[in-house]
């Protein structure tokens, strides 16, 4: 549907081909189902991010990712 045009990285669209393109149109029940699944997925992504932040907060309280732990790691690793 696209062909090169003179110039750097330019394309033209061949509109007769675009007009023949078949675009699927699902029935309303299927569209609603897909929409719900997407919204549910986005909510789960937010929950995962909140869980990750909570887990990282526990690491900070334990001192695992503290400046002091980073300093100890640097001084204890073998010379390069």
PDB file of N, CA and C in Angstrom:
ATOM      1  N   UNK A   1       0.806  -1.192   0.000  1.00  0.00           N
ATOM      2  CA  UNK A   1       0.000   0.000   0.000  1.00  0.00           C
ATOM      3  C   UNK A   1       0.850   1.257   0.000  1.00  0.00           C
ATOM      4  N   UNK A   2       2.117   1.118   0.409  1.00  0.00           N
ATOM      5  CA  UNK A   2       2.987   2.278   0.382  1.00  0.00           C
ATOM      6  C   UNK A   2       4.115   2.039  -0.596  1.00  0.00           C
ATOM      7  N   UNK A   3       4.500   3.105  -1.275  1.00  0.00           N
ATOM      8  CA  UNK A   3       5.623   3.011  -2.191  1.00  0.00           C
ATOM      9  C   UNK A   3       6.563   4.176  -1.914  1.00  0.00           C
ATOM     10  N   UNK A   4       7.808   3.987  -2.284  1.00  0.00           N
ATOM     11  CA  UNK A   4       8.807   5.024  -2.079  1.00  0.00           C
ATOM     12  C   UNK A   4       8.508   6.241  -2.934  1.00  0.00           C
ATOM     13  N   UNK A   5       8.800   7.392  -2.409  1.00  0.00           N
ATOM     14  CA  UNK A   5       8.692   8.648  -3.148  1.00  0.00           C
ATOM     15  C   UNK A   5      10.087   9.243  -3.236  1.00  0.00           C
ATOM     16  N   UNK A   6      10.283  10.137  -4.189  1.00  0.00           N
ATOM     17  CA  UNK A   6      11.579  10.811  -4.222  1.00  0.00           C
ATOM     18  C   UNK A   6      11.818  11.542  -2.907  1.00  0.00           C
ATOM     19  N   UNK A   7      13.005  11.494  -2.425  1.00  0.00           N
ATOM     20  CA  UNK A   7      13.340  12.130  -1.160  1.00  0.00           C
ATOM     21  C   UNK A   7      13.721  11.086  -0.134  1.00  0.00           C
ATOM     22  N   UNK A   8      14.276  11.528   0.929  1.00  0.00           N
ATOM     23  CA  UNK A   8      14.811  10.621   1.941  1.00  0.00           C
ATOM     24  C   UNK A   8      13.711  10.113   2.863  1.00  0.00           C
ATOM     25  N   UNK A   9      13.448   8.821   2.820  1.00  0.00           N
ATOM     26  CA  UNK A   9      12.509   8.186   3.731  1.00  0.00           C
ATOM     27  C   UNK A   9      11.062   8.626   3.576  1.00  0.00           C
ATOM     28  N   UNK A  10      10.690   9.037   2.397  1.00  0.00           N
ATOM     29  CA  UNK A  10       9.295   9.460   2.190  1.00  0.00           C
ATOM     30  C   UNK A  10       8.536   8.347   1.485  1.00  0.00           C
ATOM     31  N   UNK A  11       7.275   8.225   1.817  1.00  0.00           N
ATOM     32  CA  UNK A  11       6.436   7.192   1.224  1.00  0.00           C
ATOM     33  C   UNK A  11       5.133   7.826   0.753  1.00  0.00           C
ATOM     34  N   UNK A  12       4.527   7.200  -0.231  1.00  0.00           N
ATOM     35  CA  UNK A  12       3.182   7.604  -0.629  1.00  0.00           C
ATOM     36  C   UNK A  12       2.259   6.417  -0.408  1.00  0.00           C
ATOM     37  N   UNK A  13       1.018   6.702  -0.137  1.00  0.00           N
ATOM     38  CA  UNK A  13       0.018   5.656   0.079  1.00  0.00           C
ATOM     39  C   UNK A  13      -0.805   5.507  -1.187  1.00  0.00           C
ATOM     40  N   UNK A  14      -0.974   4.277  -1.620  1.00  0.00           N
ATOM     41  CA  UNK A  14      -1.795   3.992  -2.790  1.00  0.00           C
ATOM     42  C   UNK A  14      -3.218   3.746  -2.299  1.00  0.00           C
ATOM     43  N   UNK A  15      -4.050   4.774  -2.362  1.00  0.00           N
ATOM     44  CA  UNK A  15      -5.359   4.752  -1.743  1.00  0.00           C
ATOM     45  C   UNK A  15      -6.325   3.714  -2.312  1.00  0.00           C
ATOM     46  N   UNK A  16      -6.268   3.363  -3.594  1.00  0.00           N
ATOM     47  CA  UNK A  16      -7.179   2.289  -4.035  1.00  0.00           C
ATOM     48  C   UNK A  16      -6.948   0.980  -3.278  1.00  0.00           C
ATOM     49  N   UNK A  17      -5.690   0.673  -2.930  1.00  0.00           N
ATOM     50  CA  UNK A  17      -5.417  -0.528  -2.142  1.00  0.00           C
ATOM     51  C   UNK A  17      -5.958  -0.396  -0.726  1.00  0.00           C
ATOM     52  N   UNK A  18      -5.843   0.785  -0.157  1.00  0.00           N
ATOM     53  CA  UNK A  18      -6.347   0.995   1.198  1.00  0.00           C
ATOM     54  C   UNK A  18      -7.863   0.796   1.228  1.00  0.00           C
ATOM     55  N   UNK A  19      -8.560   1.260   0.198  1.00  0.00           N
ATOM     56  CA  UNK A  19     -10.008   1.115   0.142  1.00  0.00           C
ATOM     57  C   UNK A  19     -10.462  -0.330   0.059  1.00  0.00           C
ATOM     58  N   UNK A  20      -9.609  -1.227  -0.393  1.00  0.00           N
ATOM     59  CA  UNK A  20      -9.958  -2.650  -0.503  1.00  0.00           C
ATOM     60  C   UNK A  20      -9.611  -3.434   0.765  1.00  0.00           C
ATOM     61  N   UNK A  21      -8.960  -2.775   1.707  1.00  0.00           N
ATOM     62  CA  UNK A  21      -8.526  -3.443   2.921  1.00  0.00           C
ATOM     63  C   UNK A  21      -9.730  -3.859   3.757  1.00  0.00           C
ATOM     64  N   UNK A  22      -9.773  -5.124   4.149  1.00  0.00           N
ATOM     65  CA  UNK A  22     -10.848  -5.646   4.977  1.00  0.00           C
ATOM     66  C   UNK A  22     -10.494  -5.431   6.452  1.00  0.00           C
ATOM     67  N   UNK A  23     -11.335  -4.712   7.166  1.00  0.00           N
ATOM     68  CA  UNK A  23     -11.119  -4.465   8.587  1.00  0.00           C
ATOM     69  C   UNK A  23     -12.172  -5.249   9.354  1.00  0.00           C
ATOM     70  N   UNK A  24     -11.729  -6.166  10.237  1.00  0.00           N
ATOM     71  CA  UNK A  24     -12.710  -6.963  10.974  1.00  0.00           C
ATOM     72  C   UNK A  24     -13.482  -6.086  11.960  1.00  0.00           C
ATOM     73  N   UNK A  25     -14.766  -6.344  12.100  1.00  0.00           N
ATOM     74  CA  UNK A  25     -15.611  -5.623  13.037  1.00  0.00           C
ATOM     75  C   UNK A  25     -16.341  -6.661  13.875  1.00  0.00           C
ATOM     76  N   UNK A  26     -15.897  -6.777  15.124  1.00  0.00           N
ATOM     77  CA  UNK A  26     -16.488  -7.766  16.015  1.00  0.00           C
ATOM     78  C   UNK A  26     -17.846  -7.291  16.504  1.00  0.00           C
ATOM     79  N   UNK A  27     -18.671  -8.236  16.898  1.00  0.00           N
ATOM     80  CA  UNK A  27     -19.980  -7.843  17.434  1.00  0.00           C
ATOM     81  C   UNK A  27     -19.791  -7.158  18.792  1.00  0.00           C
ATOM     82  N   UNK A  28     -20.836  -6.495  19.238  1.00  0.00           N
ATOM     83  CA  UNK A  28     -20.743  -5.668  20.445  1.00  0.00           C
ATOM     84  C   UNK A  28     -20.328  -6.480  21.670  1.00  0.00           C
ATOM     85  N   UNK A  29     -20.854  -7.683  21.810  1.00  0.00           N
ATOM     86  CA  UNK A  29     -20.514  -8.529  22.960  1.00  0.00           C
ATOM     87  C   UNK A  29     -19.015  -8.824  22.999  1.00  0.00           C
ATOM     88  N   UNK A  30     -18.423  -9.156  21.852  1.00  0.00           N
ATOM     89  CA  UNK A  30     -16.988  -9.439  21.795  1.00  0.00           C
ATOM     90  C   UNK A  30     -16.164  -8.177  22.063  1.00  0.00           C
ATOM     91  N   UNK A  31     -16.597  -7.029  21.522  1.00  0.00           N
ATOM     92  CA  UNK A  31     -15.868  -5.780  21.756  1.00  0.00           C
ATOM     93  C   UNK A  31     -15.886  -5.407  23.240  1.00  0.00           C
ATOM     94  N   UNK A  32     -17.036  -5.581  23.884  1.00  0.00           N
ATOM     95  CA  UNK A  32     -17.143  -5.276  25.311  1.00  0.00           C
ATOM     96  C   UNK A  32     -16.247  -6.212  26.118  1.00  0.00           C
ATOM     97  N   UNK A  33     -16.234  -7.479  25.754  1.00  0.00           N
ATOM     98  CA  UNK A  33     -15.395  -8.458  26.450  1.00  0.00           C
ATOM     99  C   UNK A  33     -13.918  -8.090  26.337  1.00  0.00           C
ATOM    100  N   UNK A  34     -13.482  -7.736  25.152  1.00  0.00           N
ATOM    101  CA  UNK A  34     -12.084  -7.344  24.940  1.00  0.00           C
ATOM    102  C   UNK A  34     -11.769  -6.085  25.748  1.00  0.00           C
ATOM    103  N   UNK A  35     -12.682  -5.128  25.746  1.00  0.00           N
ATOM    104  CA  UNK A  35     -12.491  -3.900  26.513  1.00  0.00           C
ATOM    105  C   UNK A  35     -12.361  -4.174  27.998  1.00  0.00           C
ATOM    106  N   UNK A  36     -13.216  -5.052  28.521  1.00  0.00           N
ATOM    107  CA  UNK A  36     -13.138  -5.411  29.949  1.00  0.00           C
ATOM    108  C   UNK A  36     -11.802  -6.070  30.273  1.00  0.00           C
ATOM    109  N   UNK A  37     -11.359  -6.959  29.391  1.00  0.00           N
ATOM    110  CA  UNK A  37     -10.087  -7.639  29.627  1.00  0.00           C
ATOM    111  C   UNK A  37      -8.927  -6.644  29.648  1.00  0.00           C
ATOM    112  N   UNK A  38      -8.972  -5.651  28.760  1.00  0.00           N
ATOM    113  CA  UNK A  38      -7.919  -4.629  28.758  1.00  0.00           C
ATOM    114  C   UNK A  38      -7.940  -3.810  30.042  1.00  0.00           C
ATOM    115  N   UNK A  39      -9.121  -3.408  30.480  1.00  0.00           N
ATOM    116  CA  UNK A  39      -9.233  -2.629  31.718  1.00  0.00           C
ATOM    117  C   UNK A  39      -8.751  -3.466  32.903  1.00  0.00           C
ATOM    118  N   UNK A  40      -9.123  -4.745  32.950  1.00  0.00           N
ATOM    119  CA  UNK A  40      -8.658  -5.638  34.018  1.00  0.00           C
ATOM    120  C   UNK A  40      -7.136  -5.753  34.004  1.00  0.00           C
ATOM    121  N   UNK A  41      -6.557  -5.873  32.813  1.00  0.00           N
ATOM    122  CA  UNK A  41      -5.109  -5.971  32.687  1.00  0.00           C
ATOM    123  C   UNK A  41      -4.431  -4.719  33.218  1.00  0.00           C
ATOM    124  N   UNK A  42      -4.959  -3.549  32.864  1.00  0.00           N
ATOM    125  CA  UNK A  42      -4.373  -2.293  33.348  1.00  0.00           C
ATOM    126  C   UNK A  42      -4.444  -2.209  34.874  1.00  0.00           C
ATOM    127  N   UNK A  43      -5.553  -2.671  35.437  1.00  0.00           N
ATOM    128  CA  UNK A  43      -5.677  -2.667  36.890  1.00  0.00           C
ATOM    129  C   UNK A  43      -4.648  -3.604  37.526  1.00  0.00           C
ATOM    130  N   UNK A  44      -4.465  -4.783  36.939  1.00  0.00           N
ATOM    131  CA  UNK A  44      -3.471  -5.723  37.468  1.00  0.00           C
ATOM    132  C   UNK A  44      -2.064  -5.137  37.374  1.00  0.00           C
ATOM    133  N   UNK A  45      -1.777  -4.413  36.292  1.00  0.00           N
ATOM    134  CA  UNK A  45      -0.469  -3.770  36.166  1.00  0.00           C
ATOM    135  C   UNK A  45      -0.255  -2.765  37.293  1.00  0.00           C
ATOM    136  N   UNK A  46      -1.294  -1.994  37.633  1.00  0.00           N
ATOM    137  CA  UNK A  46      -1.185  -1.039  38.745  1.00  0.00           C
ATOM    138  C   UNK A  46      -0.949  -1.777  40.066  1.00  0.00           C
ATOM    139  N   UNK A  47      -1.657  -2.897  40.262  1.00  0.00           N
ATOM    140  CA  UNK A  47      -1.487  -3.676  41.488  1.00  0.00           C
ATOM    141  C   UNK A  47      -0.073  -4.232  41.585  1.00  0.00           C
ATOM    142  N   UNK A  48       0.458  -4.707  40.472  1.00  0.00           N
ATOM    143  CA  UNK A  48       1.827  -5.243  40.466  1.00  0.00           C
ATOM    144  C   UNK A  48       2.818  -4.149  40.829  1.00  0.00           C
ATOM    145  N   UNK A  49       2.634  -2.957  40.275  1.00  0.00           N
ATOM    146  CA  UNK A  49       3.536  -1.848  40.578  1.00  0.00           C
ATOM    147  C   UNK A  49       3.469  -1.487  42.061  1.00  0.00           C
ATOM    148  N   UNK A  50       2.276  -1.484  42.643  1.00  0.00           N
ATOM    149  CA  UNK A  50       2.138  -1.199  44.070  1.00  0.00           C
ATOM    150  C   UNK A  50       2.813  -2.287  44.904  1.00  0.00           C
ATOM    151  N   UNK A  51       2.668  -3.537  44.500  1.00  0.00           N
ATOM    152  CA  UNK A  51       3.312  -4.650  45.206  1.00  0.00           C
ATOM    153  C   UNK A  51       4.827  -4.540  45.124  1.00  0.00           C
ATOM    154  N   UNK A  52       5.324  -4.160  43.943  1.00  0.00           N
ATOM    155  CA  UNK A  52       6.768  -4.006  43.771  1.00  0.00           C
ATOM    156  C   UNK A  52       7.308  -2.911  44.682  1.00  0.00           C
ATOM    157  N   UNK A  53       6.588  -1.789  44.743  1.00  0.00           N
ATOM    158  CA  UNK A  53       7.021  -0.697  45.620  1.00  0.00           C
ATOM    159  C   UNK A  53       7.005  -1.131  47.083  1.00  0.00           C
ATOM    160  N   UNK A  54       5.988  -1.901  47.461  1.00  0.00           N
ATOM    161  CA  UNK A  54       5.924  -2.402  48.833  1.00  0.00           C
ATOM    162  C   UNK A  54       7.082  -3.330  49.148  1.00  0.00           C
ATOM    163  N   UNK A  55       7.415  -4.205  48.215  1.00  0.00           N
ATOM    164  CA  UNK A  55       8.541  -5.123  48.417  1.00  0.00           C
ATOM    165  C   UNK A  55       9.850  -4.350  48.523  1.00  0.00           C
ATOM    166  N   UNK A  56      10.009  -3.335  47.691  1.00  0.00           N
ATOM    167  CA  UNK A  56      11.231  -2.533  47.748  1.00  0.00           C
ATOM    168  C   UNK A  56      11.319  -1.777  49.074  1.00  0.00           C
ATOM    169  N   UNK A  57      10.185  -1.350  49.619  1.00  0.00           N
ATOM    170  CA  UNK A  57      10.185  -0.673  50.913  1.00  0.00           C
ATOM    171  C   UNK A  57      10.677  -1.615  52.001  1.00  0.00           C
ATOM    172  N   UNK A  58      10.297  -2.902  51.915  1.00  0.00           N
ATOM    173  CA  UNK A  58      10.795  -3.885  52.878  1.00  0.00           C
ATOM    174  C   UNK A  58      12.300  -4.033  52.759  1.00  0.00           C
ATOM    175  N   UNK A  59      12.807  -4.046  51.536  1.00  0.00           N
ATOM    176  CA  UNK A  59      14.256  -4.153  51.354  1.00  0.00           C
ATOM    177  C   UNK A  59      14.966  -2.962  51.978  1.00  0.00           C
ATOM    178  N   UNK A  60      14.399  -1.782  51.823  1.00  0.00           N
ATOM    179  CA  UNK A  60      15.009  -0.587  52.412  1.00  0.00           C
ATOM    180  C   UNK A  60      15.032  -0.691  53.927  1.00  0.00           C
ATOM    181  N   UNK A  61      13.927  -1.180  54.523  1.00  0.00           N
ATOM    182  CA  UNK A  61      13.882  -1.327  55.983  1.00  0.00           C
ATOM    183  C   UNK A  61      14.906  -2.347  56.467  1.00  0.00           C
ATOM    184  N   UNK A  62      15.169  -3.359  55.662  1.00  0.00           N
ATOM    185  CA  UNK A  62      16.175  -4.365  56.030  1.00  0.00           C
ATOM    186  C   UNK A  62      17.597  -3.881  55.787  1.00  0.00           C
ATOM    187  N   UNK A  63      17.720  -2.785  55.060  1.00  0.00           N
ATOM    188  CA  UNK A  63      19.051  -2.262  54.765  1.00  0.00           C
ATOM    189  C   UNK A  63      19.730  -2.965  53.606  1.00  0.00           C
ATOM    190  N   UNK A  64      18.973  -3.773  52.870  1.00  0.00           N
ATOM    191  CA  UNK A  64      19.560  -4.533  51.768  1.00  0.00           C
ATOM    192  C   UNK A  64      19.989  -3.620  50.626  1.00  0.00           C
ATOM    193  N   UNK A  65      19.216  -2.592  50.362  1.00  0.00           N
ATOM    194  CA  UNK A  65      19.532  -1.678  49.262  1.00  0.00           C
ATOM    195  C   UNK A  65      19.945  -0.300  49.782  1.00  0.00           C
ATOM    196  N   UNK A  66      20.517  -0.255  50.964  1.00  0.00           N
ATOM    197  CA  UNK A  66      20.908   1.020  51.553  1.00  0.00           C
ATOM    198  C   UNK A  66      22.265   1.469  51.009  1.00  0.00           C
ATOM    199  N   UNK A  67      22.592   2.727  51.287  1.00  0.00           N
ATOM    200  CA  UNK A  67      23.915   3.235  50.899  1.00  0.00           C
ATOM    201  C   UNK A  67      25.003   2.449  51.614  1.00  0.00           C
ATOM    202  N   UNK A  68      24.754   2.109  52.866  1.00  0.00           N
ATOM    203  CA  UNK A  68      25.741   1.354  53.630  1.00  0.00           C
ATOM    204  C   UNK A  68      25.983  -0.016  53.004  1.00  0.00           C
ATOM    205  N   UNK A  69      24.920  -0.693  52.547  1.00  0.00           N
ATOM    206  CA  UNK A  69      25.099  -2.011  51.929  1.00  0.00           C
ATOM    207  C   UNK A  69      25.851  -1.887  50.603  1.00  0.00           C
ATOM    208  N   UNK A  70      25.588  -0.828  49.852  1.00  0.00           N
ATOM    209  CA  UNK A  70      26.323  -0.617  48.594  1.00  0.00           C
ATOM    210  C   UNK A  70      27.803  -0.378  48.868  1.00  0.00           C
ATOM    211  N   UNK A  71      28.083   0.410  49.919  1.00  0.00           N
ATOM    212  CA  UNK A  71      29.478   0.681  50.282  1.00  0.00           C
ATOM    213  C   UNK A  71      30.179  -0.612  50.692  1.00  0.00           C
ATOM    214  N   UNK A  72      29.519  -1.434  51.518  1.00  0.00           N
ATOM    215  CA  UNK A  72      30.120  -2.711  51.937  1.00  0.00           C
ATOM    216  C   UNK A  72      30.379  -3.611  50.736  1.00  0.00           C
ATOM    217  N   UNK A  73      29.450  -3.621  49.776  1.00  0.00           N
ATOM    218  CA  UNK A  73      29.620  -4.457  48.584  1.00  0.00           C
ATOM    219  C   UNK A  73      30.840  -3.991  47.782  1.00  0.00           C
ATOM    220  N   UNK A  74      30.976  -2.679  47.610  1.00  0.00           N
ATOM    221  CA  UNK A  74      32.102  -2.155  46.824  1.00  0.00           C
ATOM    222  C   UNK A  74      33.438  -2.479  47.461  1.00  0.00           C
ATOM    223  N   UNK A  75      33.538  -2.356  48.789  1.00  0.00           N
ATOM    224  CA  UNK A  75      34.838  -2.611  49.438  1.00  0.00           C
ATOM    225  C   UNK A  75      35.142  -4.093  49.547  1.00  0.00           C
ATOM    226  N   UNK A  76      34.137  -4.955  49.468  1.00  0.00           N
ATOM    227  CA  UNK A  76      34.394  -6.385  49.625  1.00  0.00           C
ATOM    228  C   UNK A  76      34.593  -7.128  48.305  1.00  0.00           C
ATOM    229  N   UNK A  77      34.308  -6.487  47.179  1.00  0.00           N
ATOM    230  CA  UNK A  77      34.463  -7.228  45.929  1.00  0.00           C
ATOM    231  C   UNK A  77      35.930  -7.289  45.510  1.00  0.00           C
ATOM    232  N   UNK A  78      36.233  -8.323  44.793  1.00  0.00           N
ATOM    233  CA  UNK A  78      37.630  -8.549  44.385  1.00  0.00           C
ATOM    234  C   UNK A  78      38.124  -7.451  43.455  1.00  0.00           C
ATOM    235  N   UNK A  79      39.415  -7.124  43.528  1.00  0.00           N
ATOM    236  CA  UNK A  79      39.952  -6.104  42.624  1.00  0.00           C
ATOM    237  C   UNK A  79      39.881  -6.555  41.173  1.00  0.00           C
ATOM    238  N   UNK A  80      39.776  -5.606  40.306  1.00  0.00           N
ATOM    239  CA  UNK A  80      39.662  -5.925  38.880  1.00  0.00           C
ATOM    240  C   UNK A  80      40.975  -5.787  38.175  1.00  0.00           C
TER     241      UNK A  80
END
